[in-house]
Each structure stands twice: as structure tokens, then as C-alpha cells.
């Protein structure tokens, strides 16, 4: 991974005690300094996608970065990736709000990651997609363990997709329900 001055400085100031910015996940080496997105080599990008659970046959469909740096930083690991169903896990540890619960925004990051990649897979990776609306209802909190997000399509059109994402804890209890609508862009209209 190519490191810039900010990353090198951050790495040089680390001590034996764990840093608040280095999550305790299998993707800890992919944690980025805020505001700095490293330029990955083709091999580093490929390795990061494998570490995130993305099957090789989907690598070419997922854009320049492959997996979003935010999803990698939050420890999102994909379990299943098809147009009909997307499943990923995310640790609560490192993604809490100040009261110790999984941050509501973390629910939305997991939901948007799943819904957006589901929309990209729907296009076969031929068209970029952008989220135009997302909402969530939080049903209960989580303070530890892994959260699983399961994403299923509500509508798969030529211009818009809408997905429902259900987040559950390790006991299968529903934590939140989100809905995202993505717009499929036409590159010829840019």
C-alpha cells in the first residue's frame, strides 16, 4: 500500500497501546487516516476485496476502489453477493456511539453498502449507481458481537432500484430495517 506523509506520521506515532483509530478486525491493516484515501496498487485492491469476502468473479464490477474505504474501515465482510440477495457482517466493536451502542450511522453504512452493490450487480457492473434516498428504523441496540445485514430487492428497474436491508444480531433478533433507492446512471449522458 502506498503511504502518504499523513499515514506515515500516524504510523510513526503508534505505541504499544491500541489506538482509538485502529479497529480490532481482520481488516485493521485497511484502516485509513481520516481524510486520506491511499492509492492502492492493483494487487493491493485485489487483496482488500478478497479480505472483504468479495468473490473474484465480481471484482471487475465494483468500480475503481473495489470496496469503499469506509466499508473496509468498518470491518464489513461479505458473505453472499447476488442480485437477489446480499449478506454481510459488521462488528459492533469500533462502530459504537458514545453510549456504547452500535452507531445508527453504522447501520446506514452497512445498508447503503449492501443496497448500492446490489444495484451495481443488477446492472452487471456496466453502469454506475448513486444512492438517492435512504431511511432506517432502529428497533433495538447492540453492544457487542457481529451484526448481519441481509439485503433483498424490492424493485429492480432500468433507472431505479430499491432494496430492503434488515440488520440482525448474532441471535437473529432484528436491530434495524433500512430501505435504499439507487439511481442507475447512463454514462453516455455525462
N, C-alpha and C. Protein backbone atom coordinates (compact mmCIF):
# COMPACT_ATOMS: atom_id res chain seq x y z
N UNK A 1 0.85 -1.16 0.00
CA UNK A 1 0.00 0.00 0.00
C UNK A 1 0.90 1.23 0.00
N UNK A 2 0.64 2.17 -0.85
CA UNK A 2 1.39 3.41 -0.90
C UNK A 2 0.94 4.29 0.26
N UNK A 3 1.88 4.73 1.06
CA UNK A 3 1.52 5.56 2.21
C UNK A 3 1.95 6.99 1.95
N UNK A 4 1.09 7.92 2.28
CA UNK A 4 1.47 9.33 2.15
C UNK A 4 2.02 9.82 3.49
N UNK A 5 2.42 11.09 3.54
CA UNK A 5 3.04 11.63 4.76
C UNK A 5 2.14 11.53 5.98
N UNK A 6 0.82 11.78 5.80
CA UNK A 6 -0.10 11.72 6.95
C UNK A 6 -0.18 10.32 7.51
N UNK A 7 -0.19 9.31 6.63
CA UNK A 7 -0.25 7.93 7.10
C UNK A 7 1.05 7.53 7.77
N UNK A 8 2.18 7.93 7.19
CA UNK A 8 3.47 7.60 7.76
C UNK A 8 3.60 8.22 9.14
N UNK A 9 3.19 9.49 9.27
CA UNK A 9 3.25 10.16 10.56
C UNK A 9 2.37 9.46 11.58
N UNK A 10 1.16 9.06 11.15
CA UNK A 10 0.25 8.35 12.05
C UNK A 10 0.85 7.02 12.47
N UNK A 11 1.48 6.31 11.54
CA UNK A 11 2.07 5.02 11.86
C UNK A 11 3.25 5.19 12.81
N UNK A 12 4.05 6.27 12.66
CA UNK A 12 5.21 6.51 13.50
C UNK A 12 4.84 6.86 14.93
N UNK A 13 3.63 7.40 15.15
CA UNK A 13 3.24 7.82 16.49
C UNK A 13 2.51 6.72 17.25
N UNK A 14 2.39 5.54 16.66
CA UNK A 14 1.69 4.46 17.37
C UNK A 14 2.54 3.94 18.52
N UNK A 15 1.87 3.49 19.57
CA UNK A 15 2.57 2.94 20.73
C UNK A 15 2.06 1.54 20.99
N UNK A 16 2.49 0.96 22.09
CA UNK A 16 2.07 -0.40 22.42
C UNK A 16 0.60 -0.47 22.78
N UNK A 17 -0.01 0.64 23.17
CA UNK A 17 -1.43 0.61 23.50
C UNK A 17 -2.25 0.78 22.23
N UNK A 18 -3.39 0.08 22.14
CA UNK A 18 -4.21 0.18 20.94
C UNK A 18 -4.69 1.60 20.71
N UNK A 19 -4.72 2.01 19.47
CA UNK A 19 -5.19 3.34 19.10
C UNK A 19 -6.69 3.33 18.92
N UNK A 20 -7.33 4.45 19.20
CA UNK A 20 -8.78 4.56 19.00
C UNK A 20 -9.13 4.52 17.52
N UNK A 21 -8.14 4.75 16.65
CA UNK A 21 -8.43 4.77 15.21
C UNK A 21 -8.11 3.44 14.53
N UNK A 22 -7.61 2.46 15.26
CA UNK A 22 -7.31 1.18 14.62
C UNK A 22 -8.28 0.12 15.11
N UNK A 23 -9.30 -0.21 14.31
CA UNK A 23 -10.30 -1.20 14.73
C UNK A 23 -9.68 -2.58 14.89
N UNK A 24 -10.20 -3.35 15.82
CA UNK A 24 -9.72 -4.70 16.07
C UNK A 24 -10.49 -5.66 15.18
N UNK A 25 -10.16 -5.67 13.88
CA UNK A 25 -10.83 -6.54 12.92
C UNK A 25 -9.80 -7.16 12.01
N UNK A 26 -10.20 -8.11 11.19
CA UNK A 26 -9.30 -8.70 10.22
C UNK A 26 -8.91 -7.70 9.16
N UNK A 27 -9.61 -6.59 9.03
CA UNK A 27 -9.29 -5.57 8.04
C UNK A 27 -8.54 -4.40 8.66
N UNK A 28 -7.98 -4.60 9.87
CA UNK A 28 -7.32 -3.49 10.56
C UNK A 28 -6.23 -2.86 9.71
N UNK A 29 -5.55 -3.64 8.91
CA UNK A 29 -4.49 -3.07 8.07
C UNK A 29 -5.07 -2.15 6.99
N UNK A 30 -6.36 -2.20 6.76
CA UNK A 30 -7.00 -1.36 5.75
C UNK A 30 -7.62 -0.12 6.37
N UNK A 31 -7.38 0.11 7.67
CA UNK A 31 -7.91 1.31 8.32
C UNK A 31 -7.15 2.52 7.78
N UNK A 32 -7.86 3.55 7.46
CA UNK A 32 -7.27 4.72 6.83
C UNK A 32 -7.26 5.91 7.77
N UNK A 33 -6.30 6.77 7.57
CA UNK A 33 -6.24 8.03 8.30
C UNK A 33 -7.39 8.89 7.79
N UNK A 34 -8.19 9.49 8.68
CA UNK A 34 -9.31 10.31 8.21
C UNK A 34 -8.87 11.34 7.18
N UNK A 35 -9.63 11.45 6.12
CA UNK A 35 -9.36 12.43 5.08
C UNK A 35 -8.33 12.00 4.06
N UNK A 36 -7.76 10.81 4.23
CA UNK A 36 -6.71 10.35 3.33
C UNK A 36 -7.12 8.99 2.76
N UNK A 37 -7.32 8.92 1.46
CA UNK A 37 -7.60 7.64 0.82
C UNK A 37 -6.35 7.23 0.05
N UNK A 38 -5.70 6.16 0.50
CA UNK A 38 -4.47 5.75 -0.19
C UNK A 38 -4.77 5.23 -1.59
N UNK A 39 -3.81 5.42 -2.46
CA UNK A 39 -3.91 4.85 -3.80
C UNK A 39 -3.40 3.43 -3.72
N UNK A 40 -4.26 2.49 -4.06
CA UNK A 40 -3.90 1.08 -3.97
C UNK A 40 -3.39 0.59 -5.32
N UNK A 41 -2.40 -0.27 -5.27
CA UNK A 41 -1.97 -0.94 -6.49
C UNK A 41 -3.05 -1.95 -6.87
N UNK A 42 -2.98 -2.46 -8.05
CA UNK A 42 -3.95 -3.46 -8.50
C UNK A 42 -3.96 -4.67 -7.56
N UNK A 43 -2.78 -5.11 -7.13
CA UNK A 43 -2.69 -6.26 -6.22
C UNK A 43 -3.24 -5.93 -4.84
N UNK A 44 -2.97 -4.73 -4.33
CA UNK A 44 -3.50 -4.33 -3.02
C UNK A 44 -5.02 -4.24 -3.06
N UNK A 45 -5.57 -3.71 -4.15
CA UNK A 45 -7.02 -3.62 -4.31
C UNK A 45 -7.62 -5.02 -4.35
N UNK A 46 -6.98 -5.92 -5.09
CA UNK A 46 -7.45 -7.31 -5.20
C UNK A 46 -7.44 -7.99 -3.82
N UNK A 47 -6.34 -7.81 -3.08
CA UNK A 47 -6.24 -8.42 -1.75
C UNK A 47 -7.29 -7.86 -0.80
N UNK A 48 -7.52 -6.54 -0.85
CA UNK A 48 -8.53 -5.95 0.02
C UNK A 48 -9.91 -6.50 -0.30
N UNK A 49 -10.22 -6.71 -1.58
CA UNK A 49 -11.52 -7.28 -1.93
C UNK A 49 -11.63 -8.72 -1.43
N UNK A 50 -10.57 -9.52 -1.57
CA UNK A 50 -10.60 -10.89 -1.04
C UNK A 50 -10.77 -10.86 0.48
N UNK A 51 -10.03 -9.98 1.17
CA UNK A 51 -10.15 -9.87 2.62
C UNK A 51 -11.56 -9.48 3.05
N UNK A 52 -12.28 -8.78 2.17
CA UNK A 52 -13.65 -8.34 2.46
C UNK A 52 -14.70 -9.37 2.03
N UNK A 53 -14.25 -10.51 1.51
CA UNK A 53 -15.19 -11.57 1.14
C UNK A 53 -15.78 -11.44 -0.25
N UNK A 54 -15.23 -10.58 -1.10
CA UNK A 54 -15.79 -10.38 -2.43
C UNK A 54 -15.21 -11.42 -3.38
N UNK A 55 -16.07 -12.24 -3.99
CA UNK A 55 -15.58 -13.28 -4.91
C UNK A 55 -14.88 -12.66 -6.13
N UNK A 56 -13.85 -13.32 -6.60
CA UNK A 56 -13.04 -12.79 -7.71
C UNK A 56 -13.87 -12.48 -8.95
N UNK A 57 -14.89 -13.27 -9.20
CA UNK A 57 -15.70 -13.04 -10.41
C UNK A 57 -16.48 -11.73 -10.37
N UNK A 58 -16.55 -11.08 -9.20
CA UNK A 58 -17.25 -9.80 -9.09
C UNK A 58 -16.29 -8.60 -9.04
N UNK A 59 -15.00 -8.84 -8.93
CA UNK A 59 -14.04 -7.75 -8.77
C UNK A 59 -14.16 -6.70 -9.88
N UNK A 60 -14.33 -7.12 -11.10
CA UNK A 60 -14.37 -6.17 -12.23
C UNK A 60 -15.62 -5.30 -12.24
N UNK A 61 -16.65 -5.67 -11.48
CA UNK A 61 -17.90 -4.91 -11.49
C UNK A 61 -17.94 -3.80 -10.44
N UNK A 62 -16.99 -3.76 -9.53
CA UNK A 62 -17.15 -2.91 -8.34
C UNK A 62 -16.41 -1.58 -8.37
N UNK A 63 -16.05 -1.08 -9.51
CA UNK A 63 -15.51 0.27 -9.61
C UNK A 63 -14.04 0.38 -9.29
N UNK A 64 -13.57 1.59 -9.31
CA UNK A 64 -12.15 1.90 -9.17
C UNK A 64 -11.56 1.39 -7.85
N UNK A 65 -12.28 1.57 -6.75
CA UNK A 65 -11.75 1.19 -5.44
C UNK A 65 -12.11 -0.24 -5.06
N UNK A 66 -13.04 -0.85 -5.75
CA UNK A 66 -13.45 -2.22 -5.41
C UNK A 66 -14.44 -2.23 -4.27
N UNK A 67 -13.95 -2.03 -3.09
CA UNK A 67 -14.81 -1.89 -1.91
C UNK A 67 -14.55 -0.48 -1.38
N UNK A 68 -15.57 0.14 -0.87
CA UNK A 68 -15.37 1.51 -0.38
C UNK A 68 -14.41 1.49 0.80
N UNK A 69 -13.52 2.48 0.89
CA UNK A 69 -12.63 2.55 2.05
C UNK A 69 -13.39 2.59 3.37
N UNK A 70 -14.58 3.22 3.39
CA UNK A 70 -15.36 3.26 4.62
C UNK A 70 -15.84 1.87 5.01
N UNK A 71 -16.32 1.08 4.06
CA UNK A 71 -16.78 -0.28 4.36
C UNK A 71 -15.62 -1.12 4.90
N UNK A 72 -14.44 -0.99 4.31
CA UNK A 72 -13.27 -1.73 4.79
C UNK A 72 -12.90 -1.28 6.20
N UNK A 73 -12.91 0.04 6.43
CA UNK A 73 -12.55 0.59 7.74
C UNK A 73 -13.50 0.09 8.82
N UNK A 74 -14.78 -0.08 8.48
CA UNK A 74 -15.78 -0.50 9.46
C UNK A 74 -15.83 -2.01 9.64
N UNK A 75 -15.03 -2.74 8.87
CA UNK A 75 -14.95 -4.19 9.04
C UNK A 75 -16.06 -4.96 8.38
N UNK A 76 -16.67 -4.42 7.34
CA UNK A 76 -17.76 -5.11 6.64
C UNK A 76 -17.17 -6.25 5.82
N UNK A 77 -17.71 -7.45 6.04
CA UNK A 77 -17.27 -8.66 5.32
C UNK A 77 -18.48 -9.26 4.63
N UNK A 78 -18.37 -9.46 3.33
CA UNK A 78 -19.47 -10.01 2.54
C UNK A 78 -19.53 -11.53 2.67
N UNK A 79 -20.75 -12.03 2.85
CA UNK A 79 -20.99 -13.47 2.98
C UNK A 79 -21.66 -14.03 1.73
N UNK A 80 -22.49 -13.22 1.11
CA UNK A 80 -23.25 -13.64 -0.08
C UNK A 80 -23.46 -12.41 -0.96
N UNK A 81 -23.24 -12.59 -2.27
CA UNK A 81 -23.35 -11.44 -3.18
C UNK A 81 -24.00 -11.88 -4.49
N UNK A 82 -25.31 -11.70 -4.56
CA UNK A 82 -26.04 -11.96 -5.80
C UNK A 82 -27.02 -10.82 -6.01
N UNK A 83 -27.58 -10.74 -7.19
CA UNK A 83 -28.60 -9.72 -7.46
C UNK A 83 -29.79 -9.92 -6.53
N UNK A 84 -30.14 -11.17 -6.25
CA UNK A 84 -31.33 -11.48 -5.45
C UNK A 84 -31.12 -11.33 -3.95
N UNK A 85 -29.85 -11.39 -3.49
CA UNK A 85 -29.62 -11.37 -2.04
C UNK A 85 -28.16 -11.01 -1.76
N UNK A 86 -27.99 -10.01 -0.91
CA UNK A 86 -26.67 -9.59 -0.45
C UNK A 86 -26.64 -9.77 1.07
N UNK A 87 -25.57 -10.37 1.58
CA UNK A 87 -25.43 -10.55 3.03
C UNK A 87 -24.01 -10.16 3.42
N UNK A 88 -23.89 -9.39 4.49
CA UNK A 88 -22.57 -9.02 5.02
C UNK A 88 -22.65 -8.87 6.52
N UNK A 89 -21.50 -9.01 7.17
CA UNK A 89 -21.42 -8.80 8.61
C UNK A 89 -20.56 -7.57 8.89
N UNK A 90 -20.77 -7.03 10.09
CA UNK A 90 -20.01 -5.87 10.55
C UNK A 90 -19.88 -5.99 12.07
N UNK A 91 -18.68 -5.79 12.61
CA UNK A 91 -18.53 -5.87 14.07
C UNK A 91 -19.13 -4.63 14.75
N UNK A 92 -19.66 -4.84 15.93
CA UNK A 92 -20.11 -3.71 16.73
C UNK A 92 -18.87 -2.97 17.25
N UNK A 93 -17.86 -3.72 17.68
CA UNK A 93 -16.63 -3.13 18.22
C UNK A 93 -16.00 -2.17 17.22
N UNK A 94 -15.77 -0.96 17.66
CA UNK A 94 -15.18 0.05 16.80
C UNK A 94 -16.19 0.88 16.04
N UNK A 95 -17.46 0.46 16.10
CA UNK A 95 -18.52 1.16 15.37
C UNK A 95 -19.63 1.65 16.30
N UNK A 96 -19.29 1.86 17.58
CA UNK A 96 -20.29 2.29 18.56
C UNK A 96 -20.39 3.81 18.60
N UNK A 97 -21.53 4.26 19.15
CA UNK A 97 -21.66 5.67 19.50
C UNK A 97 -21.23 5.82 20.96
N UNK A 98 -21.28 7.03 21.49
CA UNK A 98 -20.69 7.28 22.81
C UNK A 98 -21.38 6.58 23.97
N UNK A 99 -22.57 6.05 23.80
CA UNK A 99 -23.25 5.31 24.87
C UNK A 99 -22.94 3.81 24.81
N UNK A 100 -22.09 3.40 23.85
CA UNK A 100 -21.70 2.00 23.77
C UNK A 100 -22.55 1.15 22.85
N UNK A 101 -23.56 1.74 22.22
CA UNK A 101 -24.40 1.01 21.27
C UNK A 101 -23.85 1.14 19.86
N UNK A 102 -24.15 0.17 19.01
CA UNK A 102 -23.80 0.30 17.60
C UNK A 102 -24.39 1.60 17.08
N UNK A 103 -23.57 2.41 16.46
CA UNK A 103 -23.98 3.73 15.98
C UNK A 103 -25.07 3.58 14.91
N UNK A 104 -26.09 4.42 14.99
CA UNK A 104 -27.16 4.40 13.98
C UNK A 104 -26.63 4.62 12.58
N UNK A 105 -25.61 5.47 12.47
CA UNK A 105 -24.99 5.71 11.17
C UNK A 105 -24.29 4.47 10.64
N UNK A 106 -23.78 3.62 11.54
CA UNK A 106 -23.15 2.37 11.11
C UNK A 106 -24.17 1.45 10.45
N UNK A 107 -25.39 1.43 11.00
CA UNK A 107 -26.47 0.67 10.37
C UNK A 107 -26.66 1.14 8.93
N UNK A 108 -26.66 2.46 8.76
CA UNK A 108 -26.89 3.03 7.42
C UNK A 108 -25.73 2.77 6.48
N UNK A 109 -24.50 2.78 7.00
CA UNK A 109 -23.36 2.46 6.14
C UNK A 109 -23.47 1.02 5.65
N UNK A 110 -23.79 0.10 6.54
CA UNK A 110 -23.97 -1.29 6.14
C UNK A 110 -25.09 -1.42 5.11
N UNK A 111 -26.21 -0.75 5.37
CA UNK A 111 -27.35 -0.81 4.46
C UNK A 111 -27.01 -0.23 3.10
N UNK A 112 -26.37 0.94 3.08
CA UNK A 112 -26.05 1.57 1.80
C UNK A 112 -25.01 0.77 1.03
N UNK A 113 -24.06 0.19 1.73
CA UNK A 113 -23.06 -0.65 1.08
C UNK A 113 -23.73 -1.83 0.39
N UNK A 114 -24.61 -2.51 1.10
CA UNK A 114 -25.29 -3.68 0.53
C UNK A 114 -26.22 -3.28 -0.61
N UNK A 115 -27.05 -2.26 -0.39
CA UNK A 115 -28.01 -1.85 -1.42
C UNK A 115 -27.35 -1.32 -2.67
N UNK A 116 -26.29 -0.55 -2.49
CA UNK A 116 -25.60 0.01 -3.65
C UNK A 116 -24.90 -1.07 -4.46
N UNK A 117 -24.22 -1.99 -3.78
CA UNK A 117 -23.56 -3.07 -4.52
C UNK A 117 -24.61 -3.98 -5.16
N UNK A 118 -25.74 -4.18 -4.49
CA UNK A 118 -26.83 -4.94 -5.11
C UNK A 118 -27.30 -4.29 -6.40
N UNK A 119 -27.38 -2.95 -6.41
CA UNK A 119 -27.78 -2.22 -7.61
C UNK A 119 -26.72 -2.34 -8.70
N UNK A 120 -25.44 -2.27 -8.31
CA UNK A 120 -24.35 -2.43 -9.28
C UNK A 120 -24.41 -3.82 -9.91
N UNK A 121 -24.64 -4.84 -9.10
CA UNK A 121 -24.73 -6.21 -9.64
C UNK A 121 -25.92 -6.33 -10.58
N UNK A 122 -27.02 -5.64 -10.28
CA UNK A 122 -28.19 -5.64 -11.16
C UNK A 122 -27.82 -5.12 -12.55
N UNK A 123 -26.93 -4.14 -12.61
CA UNK A 123 -26.52 -3.58 -13.92
C UNK A 123 -25.41 -4.41 -14.56
N UNK A 124 -24.94 -5.42 -13.87
CA UNK A 124 -23.82 -6.20 -14.38
C UNK A 124 -22.52 -5.42 -14.34
N UNK A 125 -22.47 -4.36 -13.55
CA UNK A 125 -21.28 -3.54 -13.45
C UNK A 125 -21.10 -2.59 -14.62
N UNK A 126 -22.09 -2.53 -15.51
CA UNK A 126 -21.99 -1.69 -16.71
C UNK A 126 -22.31 -0.23 -16.44
N UNK A 127 -23.07 0.04 -15.42
CA UNK A 127 -23.49 1.41 -15.13
C UNK A 127 -23.16 1.77 -13.69
N UNK A 128 -22.71 3.00 -13.47
CA UNK A 128 -22.54 3.46 -12.09
C UNK A 128 -23.91 3.71 -11.47
N UNK A 129 -23.97 3.59 -10.16
CA UNK A 129 -25.21 3.86 -9.44
C UNK A 129 -24.91 4.85 -8.32
N UNK A 130 -25.92 5.63 -7.97
CA UNK A 130 -25.80 6.55 -6.83
C UNK A 130 -27.05 6.43 -5.98
N UNK A 131 -26.85 6.44 -4.68
CA UNK A 131 -27.98 6.43 -3.77
C UNK A 131 -28.68 7.77 -3.80
N UNK A 132 -30.00 7.73 -3.90
CA UNK A 132 -30.76 8.98 -3.90
C UNK A 132 -31.67 9.11 -2.68
N UNK A 133 -31.90 8.00 -1.98
CA UNK A 133 -32.71 8.08 -0.76
C UNK A 133 -32.39 6.86 0.10
N UNK A 134 -32.25 7.10 1.41
CA UNK A 134 -32.06 6.01 2.36
C UNK A 134 -32.77 6.37 3.64
N UNK A 135 -33.37 5.36 4.27
CA UNK A 135 -34.04 5.58 5.56
C UNK A 135 -33.89 4.31 6.39
N UNK A 136 -34.03 4.48 7.70
CA UNK A 136 -33.92 3.32 8.58
C UNK A 136 -34.78 3.51 9.82
N UNK A 137 -35.27 2.41 10.31
CA UNK A 137 -35.95 2.37 11.60
C UNK A 137 -35.10 1.48 12.50
N UNK A 138 -34.72 2.00 13.67
CA UNK A 138 -33.93 1.23 14.63
C UNK A 138 -34.88 0.60 15.63
N UNK A 139 -34.77 -0.73 15.77
CA UNK A 139 -35.68 -1.48 16.63
C UNK A 139 -35.08 -1.80 17.99
N UNK A 140 -33.79 -2.09 18.03
CA UNK A 140 -33.11 -2.40 19.29
C UNK A 140 -31.62 -2.14 19.11
N UNK A 141 -30.93 -1.99 20.22
CA UNK A 141 -29.50 -1.71 20.18
C UNK A 141 -28.66 -2.97 20.26
N UNK A 142 -27.40 -2.83 19.88
CA UNK A 142 -26.42 -3.91 20.02
C UNK A 142 -25.17 -3.31 20.65
N UNK A 143 -24.57 -4.05 21.60
CA UNK A 143 -23.38 -3.56 22.28
C UNK A 143 -22.14 -4.40 22.02
N UNK A 144 -22.32 -5.54 21.36
CA UNK A 144 -21.16 -6.40 21.08
C UNK A 144 -21.54 -7.38 19.96
N UNK A 145 -20.53 -8.10 19.52
CA UNK A 145 -20.76 -9.15 18.52
C UNK A 145 -20.76 -8.63 17.10
N UNK A 146 -21.30 -9.46 16.22
CA UNK A 146 -21.41 -9.14 14.80
C UNK A 146 -22.85 -8.84 14.44
N UNK A 147 -23.02 -7.86 13.60
CA UNK A 147 -24.33 -7.53 13.03
C UNK A 147 -24.33 -8.09 11.62
N UNK A 148 -25.44 -8.70 11.23
CA UNK A 148 -25.58 -9.21 9.87
C UNK A 148 -26.62 -8.38 9.14
N UNK A 149 -26.26 -7.91 7.96
CA UNK A 149 -27.19 -7.19 7.10
C UNK A 149 -27.59 -8.08 5.95
N UNK A 150 -28.90 -8.22 5.73
CA UNK A 150 -29.42 -9.02 4.62
C UNK A 150 -30.23 -8.09 3.73
N UNK A 151 -29.83 -8.01 2.47
CA UNK A 151 -30.40 -7.07 1.51
C UNK A 151 -31.13 -7.82 0.41
N UNK A 152 -32.39 -7.45 0.20
CA UNK A 152 -33.18 -8.05 -0.88
C UNK A 152 -33.83 -6.93 -1.70
N UNK A 153 -33.96 -7.17 -3.02
CA UNK A 153 -34.56 -6.13 -3.86
C UNK A 153 -36.06 -6.03 -3.66
N UNK A 154 -36.55 -4.82 -3.69
CA UNK A 154 -37.98 -4.54 -3.74
C UNK A 154 -38.36 -4.23 -5.18
N UNK A 155 -37.48 -3.50 -5.87
CA UNK A 155 -37.70 -3.12 -7.27
C UNK A 155 -36.36 -3.07 -7.99
N UNK A 156 -36.27 -3.72 -9.13
CA UNK A 156 -35.07 -3.69 -9.97
C UNK A 156 -35.48 -3.19 -11.35
N UNK A 157 -35.33 -1.90 -11.58
CA UNK A 157 -35.73 -1.31 -12.86
C UNK A 157 -34.54 -0.92 -13.70
N UNK A 158 -34.82 -0.24 -14.79
CA UNK A 158 -33.78 0.23 -15.68
C UNK A 158 -33.17 1.55 -15.24
N UNK A 159 -33.89 2.30 -14.41
CA UNK A 159 -33.42 3.60 -13.94
C UNK A 159 -33.25 3.64 -12.43
N UNK A 160 -34.11 2.92 -11.70
CA UNK A 160 -34.07 2.92 -10.24
C UNK A 160 -34.08 1.50 -9.70
N UNK A 161 -33.40 1.33 -8.56
CA UNK A 161 -33.53 0.09 -7.79
C UNK A 161 -33.89 0.48 -6.37
N UNK A 162 -34.65 -0.36 -5.70
CA UNK A 162 -34.96 -0.15 -4.29
C UNK A 162 -34.73 -1.47 -3.57
N UNK A 163 -34.01 -1.39 -2.46
CA UNK A 163 -33.70 -2.58 -1.67
C UNK A 163 -34.11 -2.39 -0.22
N UNK A 164 -34.49 -3.49 0.42
CA UNK A 164 -34.72 -3.51 1.86
C UNK A 164 -33.54 -4.23 2.50
N UNK A 165 -33.03 -3.66 3.57
CA UNK A 165 -31.92 -4.26 4.29
C UNK A 165 -32.34 -4.44 5.74
N UNK A 166 -32.23 -5.67 6.23
CA UNK A 166 -32.57 -5.99 7.61
C UNK A 166 -31.28 -6.33 8.35
N UNK A 167 -31.01 -5.61 9.44
CA UNK A 167 -29.85 -5.87 10.28
C UNK A 167 -30.29 -6.66 11.50
N UNK A 168 -29.56 -7.75 11.78
CA UNK A 168 -29.87 -8.61 12.92
C UNK A 168 -28.61 -8.83 13.76
N UNK A 169 -28.83 -9.21 15.02
CA UNK A 169 -27.70 -9.54 15.88
C UNK A 169 -27.36 -11.02 15.72
N UNK A 170 -26.42 -11.50 16.52
CA UNK A 170 -25.97 -12.89 16.41
C UNK A 170 -27.03 -13.91 16.82
N UNK A 171 -28.10 -13.44 17.45
CA UNK A 171 -29.21 -14.33 17.84
C UNK A 171 -30.37 -14.24 16.87
N UNK A 172 -30.19 -13.51 15.78
CA UNK A 172 -31.24 -13.37 14.78
C UNK A 172 -32.28 -12.33 15.12
N UNK A 173 -32.07 -11.55 16.19
CA UNK A 173 -33.03 -10.50 16.56
C UNK A 173 -32.81 -9.29 15.66
N UNK A 174 -33.91 -8.73 15.17
CA UNK A 174 -33.85 -7.58 14.27
C UNK A 174 -33.42 -6.34 15.04
N UNK A 175 -32.39 -5.69 14.51
CA UNK A 175 -31.87 -4.46 15.10
C UNK A 175 -32.41 -3.24 14.37
N UNK A 176 -32.48 -3.33 13.04
CA UNK A 176 -32.98 -2.21 12.25
C UNK A 176 -33.45 -2.70 10.90
N UNK A 177 -34.26 -1.86 10.26
CA UNK A 177 -34.74 -2.11 8.91
C UNK A 177 -34.48 -0.84 8.10
N UNK A 178 -33.79 -1.01 6.98
CA UNK A 178 -33.48 0.15 6.14
C UNK A 178 -34.02 -0.08 4.74
N UNK A 179 -34.19 1.03 4.03
CA UNK A 179 -34.61 0.99 2.62
C UNK A 179 -33.76 2.00 1.87
N UNK A 180 -33.22 1.58 0.73
CA UNK A 180 -32.42 2.48 -0.09
C UNK A 180 -32.90 2.42 -1.53
N UNK A 181 -32.95 3.59 -2.17
CA UNK A 181 -33.23 3.69 -3.60
C UNK A 181 -31.98 4.23 -4.27
N UNK A 182 -31.54 3.54 -5.32
CA UNK A 182 -30.38 3.95 -6.11
C UNK A 182 -30.83 4.31 -7.51
N UNK A 183 -30.19 5.32 -8.08
CA UNK A 183 -30.42 5.69 -9.47
C UNK A 183 -29.30 5.07 -10.31
N UNK A 184 -29.68 4.43 -11.41
CA UNK A 184 -28.72 3.86 -12.34
C UNK A 184 -28.38 4.95 -13.35
N UNK A 185 -27.10 5.32 -13.41
CA UNK A 185 -26.68 6.40 -14.29
C UNK A 185 -26.40 5.90 -15.70
N UNK A 186 -26.62 6.76 -16.67
CA UNK A 186 -26.31 6.48 -18.07
C UNK A 186 -25.02 7.21 -18.40
N UNK A 187 -23.89 6.48 -18.51
CA UNK A 187 -22.60 7.15 -18.76
C UNK A 187 -22.59 8.00 -20.02
N UNK A 188 -23.44 7.71 -21.00
CA UNK A 188 -23.45 8.49 -22.24
C UNK A 188 -24.06 9.87 -22.05
N UNK A 189 -24.70 10.11 -20.91
CA UNK A 189 -25.36 11.39 -20.65
C UNK A 189 -24.51 12.33 -19.80
N UNK A 190 -23.26 11.99 -19.60
CA UNK A 190 -22.39 12.82 -18.76
C UNK A 190 -21.83 13.97 -19.52
